[in-house]
Amino acid sequence: MNLTQLKTLFVRAGCVKLYAKPLAENDNSKNQVYFGPGFQALNLFPNGGIVPKSSTKNPIFKTRLRFGWLLANGQVADAPSAQLILYPQYPEVRFSGFLNGCKVGPSDLMAGRIKGRLLFIGVASDRRILGYVVGSNSEIAAEFQALRLAPACGVFFELKLPHIPGGEDAREKLLSELKRIHGLGWIDSKQLDSSGRLKPCLSQNCGGFTLEAELGIPKNSQPEPDFLGWEIKQHAVASFDRTDSSAAITLMTPEPNRGFYREHGMADFVRRFGYPDKKGRKDRLNFGGVHRVGERHPTTRLMLITQGYDLARGRITDTDGCIALVSESGEMAAGWAFSGLFEHWSRKHIKAAYVPSQCRVEPKRQYAYGPRVRLAQGTDSLRLLGAFASGTVYYDPGIKLEGASSDNPHSKPRSQFRIASKNIGAIYETVESVEL
């Protein structure tokens, strides 16, 4: 088999992405396979959820993979015990369990210390992961070496697959669409509902929905990147000449899964930690304001902390840790487990396009999108956590409770983590400014 035939085999098995990793001698079933420093490998390979496995000696995270070995006849040999292990003390990711329970796995190449092997890993559209390994004397290995590729992410090289719509030029297609949208000028505010029907959008936060509607992205989509592997982040600017301002960009909006909020619900949380509406609206309580790590908020009297993270060393010390809001007495008002934040971040944010917008409301609500966008790549969960700990990423909710004293109050959850536009370089390896 040659490299072209191998690519075709992966495509026929449903793969839309293909990566390769030259294996070291100790990359084997006994010592596990090194998947790179940091946690960037999580961004490449879909997983079944990150689970902390804490111990005082060796805190780790684990995540199961839907993995199988692709055979030369196109069949797949399932490897039910395959998993990634995240070692925060180094930090690094390793691949293990890939031969356990697999009847026809490549044990001849993956069980021992062998030089010059090459591991190919394909990612299918249904989140399955398929592997194929060749020896150093194979035609495929020789062809790969002749390509002289540069690593695309950590220790992995990305190979283009044939016959994949959008697979070879996703970046160009994205930029082409954003250029088209910029050329439209002022666009009526709108949104695509979850069934794909176009509707007006009349609220103040319709800039993102309008852009997504132009890109064909429905509201309430799955927690995956928005457009051909790219997450789309619209942000308001006063001038298209200055897109790296101090204006806030919302990164994600996960609900708390720990603390008083989780145990008692949002309404009781706002009654306990919120405050009367500052504009004097009757029987309304709010919970808002910028909460940064290490700073006590003057109104809510809560402080954001990184529980289980050592900022000085840049290391996770407890895999069961969390980002948390704590009161002056030490009570956890709300918390977000590391494992949940990492899963969300790695699933959506491997590549992000930051698109500036402006809004006008006369003669009606409309949006225009700028001629310059920023393409950000190379993030991982540890970068995000470090940005939290330094105060670069912060919690800025907009939670309200109307009819607070009634038996049936109206509540609006809005937990959001944000960053200043000028600071996005803190959470990505590269940020490229592109003229459309």
Protein backbone atom coordinates (compact mmCIF):
# COMPACT_ATOMS: atom_id res chain seq x y z
CA MET A 1 0.00 0.00 0.00
CA ASN A 2 1.20 3.52 -0.76
CA LEU A 3 0.29 6.78 0.97
CA THR A 4 -2.42 7.75 -1.53
CA GLN A 5 -4.09 4.36 -1.08
CA LEU A 6 -3.92 4.73 2.70
CA LYS A 7 -5.59 8.14 2.54
CA THR A 8 -8.37 6.70 0.38
CA LEU A 9 -8.81 3.89 2.92
CA PHE A 10 -9.31 6.45 5.71
CA VAL A 11 -11.78 8.45 3.60
CA ARG A 12 -13.84 5.33 2.82
CA ALA A 13 -13.97 4.63 6.55
CA GLY A 14 -15.58 8.04 7.10
CA CYS A 15 -12.56 10.07 8.19
CA VAL A 16 -12.45 13.81 7.56
CA LYS A 17 -9.10 14.50 9.26
CA LEU A 18 -5.83 12.58 9.17
CA TYR A 19 -2.78 13.04 11.38
CA ALA A 20 0.57 11.29 11.54
CA LYS A 21 3.11 10.87 14.33
CA PRO A 22 6.59 9.36 14.01
CA LEU A 23 6.94 6.94 16.91
CA ALA A 24 9.89 6.77 19.29
CA GLU A 25 11.12 3.39 20.50
CA ASN A 26 9.34 3.77 23.82
CA ASP A 27 6.03 4.69 22.14
CA ASN A 28 4.46 1.28 22.70
CA SER A 29 1.73 -0.51 24.63
CA LYS A 30 3.92 -0.90 27.72
CA ASN A 31 5.11 2.69 28.03
CA GLN A 32 2.10 4.36 26.34
CA VAL A 33 2.41 6.59 23.27
CA TYR A 34 3.47 10.20 23.82
CA PHE A 35 0.86 12.57 22.33
CA GLY A 36 2.68 15.78 23.08
CA PRO A 37 3.26 18.46 25.72
CA GLY A 38 0.42 20.35 27.32
CA PHE A 39 -3.13 19.27 26.57
CA GLN A 40 -3.31 20.22 22.88
CA ALA A 41 -4.01 16.63 21.81
CA LEU A 42 -7.49 17.03 23.32
CA ASN A 43 -8.24 19.54 20.58
CA LEU A 44 -7.50 17.02 17.84
CA PHE A 45 -9.21 13.84 19.00
CA PRO A 46 -12.88 13.66 20.06
CA ASN A 47 -13.30 11.96 23.41
CA GLY A 48 -15.96 10.66 25.74
CA GLY A 49 -15.59 13.26 28.49
CA ILE A 50 -12.71 14.10 30.81
CA VAL A 51 -12.70 12.35 34.19
CA PRO A 52 -10.38 13.31 37.08
CA LYS A 53 -8.44 10.51 38.77
CA SER A 54 -7.01 12.28 41.78
CA SER A 55 -4.37 10.99 44.13
CA THR A 56 -1.80 12.74 46.27
CA LYS A 57 1.03 11.00 44.40
CA ASN A 58 -0.07 11.10 40.77
CA PRO A 59 -3.05 13.32 39.88
CA ILE A 60 -4.25 12.59 36.33
CA PHE A 61 -7.22 12.98 34.01
CA LYS A 62 -8.50 10.21 31.74
CA THR A 63 -10.80 10.19 28.76
CA ARG A 64 -12.11 7.26 26.71
CA LEU A 65 -11.82 7.19 22.93
CA ARG A 66 -14.02 5.46 20.35
CA PHE A 67 -10.92 3.97 18.80
CA GLY A 68 -10.27 1.14 16.38
CA TRP A 69 -7.48 -0.09 14.11
CA LEU A 70 -8.14 0.32 10.41
CA LEU A 71 -7.33 -2.87 8.51
CA ALA A 72 -6.04 -3.12 4.95
CA ASN A 73 -9.40 -4.55 3.79
CA GLY A 74 -11.27 -1.48 5.09
CA GLN A 75 -12.66 -3.20 8.18
CA VAL A 76 -12.13 -1.79 11.67
CA ALA A 77 -10.90 -3.74 14.69
CA ASP A 78 -12.33 -2.05 17.78
CA ALA A 79 -10.01 -1.31 20.70
CA PRO A 80 -12.51 -0.83 23.57
CA SER A 81 -9.94 0.14 26.21
CA ALA A 82 -8.26 2.95 24.26
CA GLN A 83 -7.90 6.16 26.24
CA LEU A 84 -5.94 9.35 26.65
CA ILE A 85 -4.23 10.03 29.97
CA LEU A 86 -3.48 13.64 30.86
CA TYR A 87 -0.56 14.17 33.25
CA PRO A 88 -0.82 17.74 34.59
CA GLN A 89 2.43 17.51 36.56
CA TYR A 90 4.56 17.46 33.38
CA PRO A 91 2.19 18.40 31.60
CA GLU A 92 1.63 15.95 28.73
CA VAL A 93 -0.87 13.58 27.13
CA ARG A 94 -0.29 9.87 26.47
CA PHE A 95 -2.28 7.25 24.56
CA SER A 96 -2.86 3.87 26.20
CA GLY A 97 -5.05 0.76 26.13
CA PHE A 98 -5.01 0.63 22.33
CA LEU A 99 -4.25 -3.13 22.15
CA ASN A 100 -6.30 -4.31 25.14
CA GLY A 101 -9.34 -6.30 24.05
CA CYS A 102 -8.50 -5.86 20.36
CA LYS A 103 -8.31 -9.25 18.64
CA VAL A 104 -6.44 -8.18 15.51
CA GLY A 105 -4.54 -5.07 16.59
CA PRO A 106 -1.01 -4.39 15.31
CA SER A 107 0.76 -5.89 18.31
CA ASP A 108 3.78 -6.76 16.17
CA LEU A 109 4.48 -3.05 15.71
CA MET A 110 2.96 -1.52 18.86
CA ALA A 111 3.99 -3.90 21.65
CA GLY A 112 7.77 -3.55 21.46
CA ARG A 113 10.61 -1.05 21.11
CA ILE A 114 10.97 -0.56 17.36
CA LYS A 115 12.63 2.31 15.52
CA GLY A 116 11.14 4.29 12.66
CA ARG A 117 7.45 3.39 12.91
CA LEU A 118 4.78 5.82 11.80
CA LEU A 119 1.33 6.10 13.38
CA PHE A 120 -1.59 7.49 11.38
CA ILE A 121 -4.75 8.59 13.19
CA GLY A 122 -7.95 9.51 11.36
CA VAL A 123 -10.92 11.36 12.84
CA ALA A 124 -14.35 10.46 11.45
CA SER A 125 -17.36 12.76 11.21
CA ASP A 126 -19.17 10.66 13.85
CA ARG A 127 -16.29 11.25 16.35
CA ARG A 128 -14.73 7.79 15.88
CA ILE A 129 -10.93 7.62 15.79
CA LEU A 130 -9.11 5.15 13.56
CA GLY A 131 -5.45 4.15 13.68
CA TYR A 132 -2.99 2.59 11.26
CA VAL A 133 0.71 1.95 11.86
CA VAL A 134 3.53 1.14 9.44
CA GLY A 135 7.14 0.12 9.86
CA SER A 136 10.23 2.11 8.90
CA ASN A 137 10.87 0.07 5.74
CA SER A 138 7.39 0.58 4.28
CA GLU A 139 6.63 2.54 1.12
CA ILE A 140 4.25 4.74 3.13
CA ALA A 141 6.98 5.72 5.61
CA ALA A 142 9.33 6.63 2.77
CA GLU A 143 6.68 8.77 1.05
CA PHE A 144 5.86 10.54 4.29
CA GLN A 145 9.50 11.39 4.97
CA ALA A 146 9.79 12.85 1.47
CA LEU A 147 6.93 15.28 2.15
CA ARG A 148 9.02 17.21 4.73
CA LEU A 149 5.94 18.52 6.52
CA ALA A 150 5.99 20.82 9.54
CA PRO A 151 4.05 19.74 12.66
CA ALA A 152 0.52 21.14 12.66
CA CYS A 153 -0.23 20.66 16.36
CA GLY A 154 2.34 19.57 18.91
CA VAL A 155 3.87 16.29 17.73
CA PHE A 156 1.28 15.68 14.99
CA PHE A 157 1.50 16.31 11.27
CA GLU A 158 -1.73 16.89 9.36
CA LEU A 159 -2.22 15.32 5.94
CA LYS A 160 -4.78 16.50 3.41
CA LEU A 161 -7.43 13.97 2.52
CA PRO A 162 -8.88 13.63 -0.99
CA HIS A 163 -12.57 14.02 -1.76
CA ILE A 164 -13.46 15.79 1.51
CA PRO A 165 -15.71 18.84 0.86
CA GLY A 166 -14.03 21.78 2.55
CA GLY A 167 -11.30 19.56 3.98
CA GLU A 168 -8.45 21.06 2.01
CA ASP A 169 -9.35 24.74 2.03
CA ALA A 170 -11.52 25.37 5.11
CA ARG A 171 -9.50 28.49 5.99
CA GLU A 172 -9.90 29.91 2.48
CA LYS A 173 -13.62 29.16 2.42
CA LEU A 174 -14.09 30.85 5.79
CA LEU A 175 -12.21 33.96 4.66
CA SER A 176 -14.16 34.02 1.39
CA GLU A 177 -17.45 33.94 3.27
CA LEU A 178 -16.36 36.64 5.72
CA LYS A 179 -15.27 38.80 2.77
CA ARG A 180 -18.69 38.32 1.17
CA ILE A 181 -20.44 39.25 4.41
CA HIS A 182 -18.27 42.36 4.83
CA GLY A 183 -19.20 43.38 1.28
CA LEU A 184 -22.91 43.27 2.12
CA GLY A 185 -22.59 46.36 4.30
CA TRP A 186 -25.47 46.81 6.74
CA ILE A 187 -27.39 43.56 7.30
CA ASP A 188 -30.81 43.33 8.94
CA SER A 189 -30.58 41.74 12.37
CA LYS A 190 -31.64 38.09 12.16
CA GLN A 191 -31.11 34.56 13.40
CA LEU A 192 -31.54 30.97 12.23
CA ASP A 193 -33.58 28.93 14.71
CA SER A 194 -32.64 25.36 15.57
CA SER A 195 -34.71 24.04 12.64
CA GLY A 196 -32.99 26.36 10.17
CA ARG A 197 -35.80 28.92 9.77
CA LEU A 198 -34.77 32.55 9.35
CA LYS A 199 -36.27 34.93 11.93
CA PRO A 200 -35.79 38.56 12.98
CA CYS A 201 -33.51 39.16 15.98
CA LEU A 202 -34.47 42.18 18.07
CA SER A 203 -32.33 41.97 21.22
CA GLN A 204 -29.06 43.78 21.91
CA ASN A 205 -26.91 40.67 21.49
CA CYS A 206 -27.87 39.84 17.89
CA GLY A 207 -24.50 40.61 16.30
CA GLY A 208 -23.33 37.03 16.67
CA PHE A 209 -26.66 35.53 15.61
CA THR A 210 -26.75 37.69 12.47
CA LEU A 211 -23.24 36.67 11.45
CA GLU A 212 -23.99 33.01 12.14
CA ALA A 213 -27.19 33.22 10.11
CA GLU A 214 -25.20 34.55 7.13
CA LEU A 215 -22.83 31.60 7.54
CA GLY A 216 -25.75 29.15 7.73
CA ILE A 217 -25.21 28.30 11.40
CA PRO A 218 -28.45 27.60 13.33
CA LYS A 219 -29.03 28.91 16.84
CA ASN A 220 -28.52 26.35 19.63
CA SER A 221 -26.23 24.18 17.51
CA GLN A 222 -24.21 21.26 18.81
CA PRO A 223 -21.16 22.03 20.98
CA GLU A 224 -18.76 21.81 18.05
CA PRO A 225 -16.86 24.48 16.09
CA ASP A 226 -19.26 26.64 14.08
CA PHE A 227 -17.93 26.63 10.51
CA LEU A 228 -15.68 23.98 8.90
CA GLY A 229 -13.74 23.46 12.14
CA TRP A 230 -13.58 27.16 13.06
CA GLU A 231 -15.30 28.73 16.05
CA ILE A 232 -16.77 32.12 15.07
CA LYS A 233 -16.48 34.89 17.68
CA GLN A 234 -18.16 38.17 16.78
CA HIS A 235 -17.28 41.22 18.89
CA ALA A 236 -18.44 44.82 18.82
CA VAL A 237 -15.98 47.63 18.02
CA ALA A 238 -16.28 51.40 17.85
CA SER A 239 -14.10 51.52 14.73
CA PHE A 240 -13.01 48.91 12.20
CA ASP A 241 -9.57 50.53 12.30
CA ARG A 242 -9.07 49.27 15.86
CA THR A 243 -10.08 45.67 16.51
CA ASP A 244 -7.68 44.88 19.38
CA SER A 245 -9.36 47.19 21.91
CA SER A 246 -10.16 46.61 25.57
CA ALA A 247 -13.77 45.70 24.69
CA ALA A 248 -14.89 42.38 26.14
CA ILE A 249 -15.33 39.19 24.11
CA THR A 250 -17.42 36.34 25.50
CA LEU A 251 -15.48 33.08 25.26
CA MET A 252 -18.03 30.62 26.65
CA THR A 253 -21.16 30.48 28.79
CA PRO A 254 -21.13 27.27 30.89
CA GLU A 255 -23.51 26.96 33.81
CA PRO A 256 -21.98 26.20 37.25
CA ASN A 257 -21.86 22.53 38.20
CA ARG A 258 -20.77 22.98 41.81
CA GLY A 259 -21.56 25.03 44.89
CA PHE A 260 -24.71 26.76 46.13
CA TYR A 261 -25.85 27.55 42.58
CA ARG A 262 -25.80 23.88 41.62
CA GLU A 263 -27.37 22.64 44.84
CA HIS A 264 -30.15 25.23 45.22
CA GLY A 265 -30.73 26.60 41.74
CA MET A 266 -30.27 29.96 40.10
CA ALA A 267 -33.21 31.74 41.76
CA ASP A 268 -32.02 31.02 45.30
CA PHE A 269 -28.45 31.85 44.25
CA VAL A 270 -29.50 35.33 43.14
CA ARG A 271 -31.59 35.84 46.29
CA ARG A 272 -28.59 34.85 48.40
CA PHE A 273 -25.73 36.56 46.57
CA GLY A 274 -27.41 39.08 44.26
CA TYR A 275 -28.46 42.68 44.81
CA PRO A 276 -31.46 44.94 44.05
CA ASP A 277 -31.60 46.28 40.51
CA LYS A 278 -29.42 49.42 40.32
CA LYS A 279 -31.84 51.13 37.94
CA GLY A 280 -34.64 50.89 40.49
CA ARG A 281 -36.78 48.31 38.68
CA LYS A 282 -39.14 46.91 41.28
CA ASP A 283 -38.91 43.38 42.62
CA ARG A 284 -35.88 42.58 40.51
CA LEU A 285 -32.58 41.16 41.71
CA ASN A 286 -29.40 41.01 39.65
CA PHE A 287 -26.09 39.23 39.83
CA GLY A 288 -23.38 40.74 37.65
CA GLY A 289 -20.05 42.48 37.48
CA VAL A 290 -16.49 41.54 36.58
CA HIS A 291 -15.09 38.88 38.93
CA ARG A 292 -11.36 38.18 38.60
CA VAL A 293 -9.22 35.66 40.43
CA GLY A 294 -7.94 37.05 43.71
CA GLU A 295 -10.18 40.15 43.75
CA ARG A 296 -13.17 40.53 46.10
CA HIS A 297 -16.05 42.05 44.15
CA PRO A 298 -17.30 45.20 45.92
CA THR A 299 -21.01 44.47 45.36
CA THR A 300 -21.42 40.69 45.48
CA ARG A 301 -18.56 40.27 48.00
CA LEU A 302 -17.54 37.09 46.15
CA MET A 303 -14.06 36.25 44.92
CA LEU A 304 -13.09 34.09 41.95
CA ILE A 305 -10.43 31.48 42.76
CA THR A 306 -8.62 28.67 40.94
CA GLN A 307 -8.96 25.82 43.42
CA GLY A 308 -6.39 23.13 42.70
CA TYR A 309 -4.07 25.21 40.48
CA ASP A 310 -0.64 26.57 41.40
CA LEU A 311 -0.15 29.84 39.49
CA ALA A 312 3.53 30.17 40.45
CA ARG A 313 4.38 26.78 38.91
CA GLY A 314 1.64 26.84 36.28
CA ARG A 315 0.53 23.37 37.36
CA ILE A 316 -2.68 21.63 38.35
CA THR A 317 -2.28 20.24 41.85
CA ASP A 318 -5.73 18.66 42.15
CA THR A 319 -7.52 17.19 39.12
CA ASP A 320 -10.80 17.50 41.03
CA GLY A 321 -10.22 21.26 41.22
CA CYS A 322 -12.39 24.01 39.81
CA ILE A 323 -12.88 27.67 39.07
CA ALA A 324 -15.03 28.90 41.95
CA LEU A 325 -16.79 31.92 43.40
CA VAL A 326 -16.32 31.95 47.17
CA SER A 327 -17.80 34.14 49.88
CA GLU A 328 -15.91 35.92 52.63
CA SER A 329 -16.69 32.97 54.91
CA GLY A 330 -15.24 30.51 52.37
CA GLU A 331 -18.57 29.15 51.10
CA MET A 332 -18.55 28.09 47.44
CA ALA A 333 -21.31 30.11 45.81
CA ALA A 334 -20.71 28.59 42.36
CA GLY A 335 -18.06 26.42 40.76
CA TRP A 336 -16.99 25.03 37.40
CA ALA A 337 -15.02 21.76 37.52
CA PHE A 338 -11.76 21.72 35.55
CA SER A 339 -12.84 18.58 33.72
CA GLY A 340 -16.02 20.19 32.32
CA LEU A 341 -14.27 23.41 31.31
CA PHE A 342 -11.48 21.46 29.60
CA GLU A 343 -13.92 19.32 27.66
CA HIS A 344 -15.87 22.33 26.41
CA TRP A 345 -12.76 24.32 25.51
CA SER A 346 -11.00 21.49 23.67
CA ARG A 347 -14.13 20.60 21.74
CA LYS A 348 -14.89 24.05 20.31
CA HIS A 349 -11.86 26.30 20.41
CA ILE A 350 -8.96 24.66 18.58
CA LYS A 351 -9.32 27.35 15.87
CA ALA A 352 -11.27 30.59 16.25
CA ALA A 353 -12.04 33.53 13.98
CA TYR A 354 -12.58 36.86 15.74
CA VAL A 355 -14.81 39.08 13.60
CA PRO A 356 -15.41 42.77 14.47
CA SER A 357 -18.90 44.21 14.09
CA GLN A 358 -20.79 47.49 14.37
CA CYS A 359 -24.48 48.03 15.06
CA ARG A 360 -27.05 50.69 14.22
CA VAL A 361 -30.70 50.83 15.28
CA GLU A 362 -32.03 53.45 12.85
CA PRO A 363 -33.92 52.99 10.60
CA LYS A 364 -33.85 49.47 12.13
CA ARG A 365 -31.43 47.16 13.91
CA GLN A 366 -28.64 46.24 11.51
CA TYR A 367 -25.06 44.97 11.70
CA ALA A 368 -21.95 45.44 9.57
CA TYR A 369 -18.80 43.31 9.78
CA GLY A 370 -15.25 44.58 9.40
CA PRO A 371 -12.64 44.16 6.65
CA ARG A 372 -10.04 42.70 9.01
CA VAL A 373 -10.39 39.51 11.08
CA ARG A 374 -8.11 37.67 13.46
CA LEU A 375 -7.51 33.92 13.13
CA ALA A 376 -6.38 32.35 16.40
CA GLN A 377 -4.91 28.85 16.70
CA GLY A 378 -2.96 26.66 19.08
CA THR A 379 -4.84 26.83 22.36
CA ASP A 380 -5.23 24.23 25.07
CA SER A 381 -6.91 23.96 28.44
CA LEU A 382 -3.77 24.79 30.41
CA ARG A 383 -3.40 28.11 28.58
CA LEU A 384 -7.00 28.87 29.48
CA LEU A 385 -6.48 27.97 33.12
CA GLY A 386 -3.35 30.12 33.32
CA ALA A 387 -5.31 33.04 31.85
CA PHE A 388 -7.95 32.58 34.55
CA ALA A 389 -5.33 32.51 37.28
CA SER A 390 -3.66 35.70 36.02
CA GLY A 391 -7.00 37.55 35.73
CA THR A 392 -6.84 37.82 31.92
CA VAL A 393 -9.98 35.67 31.58
CA TYR A 394 -12.71 36.63 34.03
CA TYR A 395 -16.30 35.89 35.03
CA ASP A 396 -18.78 38.57 33.98
CA PRO A 397 -22.35 37.30 34.44
CA GLY A 398 -25.59 39.04 33.60
CA ILE A 399 -28.09 37.09 35.71
CA LYS A 400 -31.47 38.54 36.62
CA LEU A 401 -34.49 37.50 38.69
CA GLU A 402 -37.72 39.39 37.97
CA GLY A 403 -40.66 39.09 40.35
CA ALA A 404 -38.14 37.94 42.92
CA SER A 405 -40.63 37.92 45.82
CA SER A 406 -43.29 35.97 43.92
CA ASP A 407 -43.87 32.24 43.85
CA ASN A 408 -43.12 32.13 40.13
CA PRO A 409 -40.23 34.51 39.40
CA HIS A 410 -38.81 34.93 35.90
CA SER A 411 -35.12 34.13 35.77
CA LYS A 412 -32.50 34.51 33.07
CA PRO A 413 -29.25 32.57 33.36
CA ARG A 414 -26.22 34.26 31.82
CA SER A 415 -22.95 32.93 33.16
CA GLN A 416 -20.19 34.07 30.86
CA PHE A 417 -16.40 33.98 30.85
CA ARG A 418 -14.83 36.87 28.96
CA ILE A 419 -11.55 38.38 27.84
CA ALA A 420 -10.51 41.80 26.54
CA SER A 421 -10.16 41.80 22.77
CA LYS A 422 -6.53 42.95 22.99
CA ASN A 423 -5.63 39.98 25.21
CA ILE A 424 -6.70 37.00 23.08
CA GLY A 425 -3.02 36.27 22.38
CA ALA A 426 -2.79 35.02 25.97
CA ILE A 427 -4.92 31.97 25.20
CA TYR A 428 -3.60 31.08 21.72
CA GLU A 429 -0.21 30.17 20.34
CA THR A 430 -0.71 32.31 17.23
CA VAL A 431 -3.08 35.16 16.33
CA GLU A 432 -2.99 36.24 12.68
CA SER A 433 -4.61 39.46 11.44
CA VAL A 434 -6.04 38.99 7.93
CA GLU A 435 -7.32 41.62 5.50
CA LEU A 436 -10.35 40.26 3.66
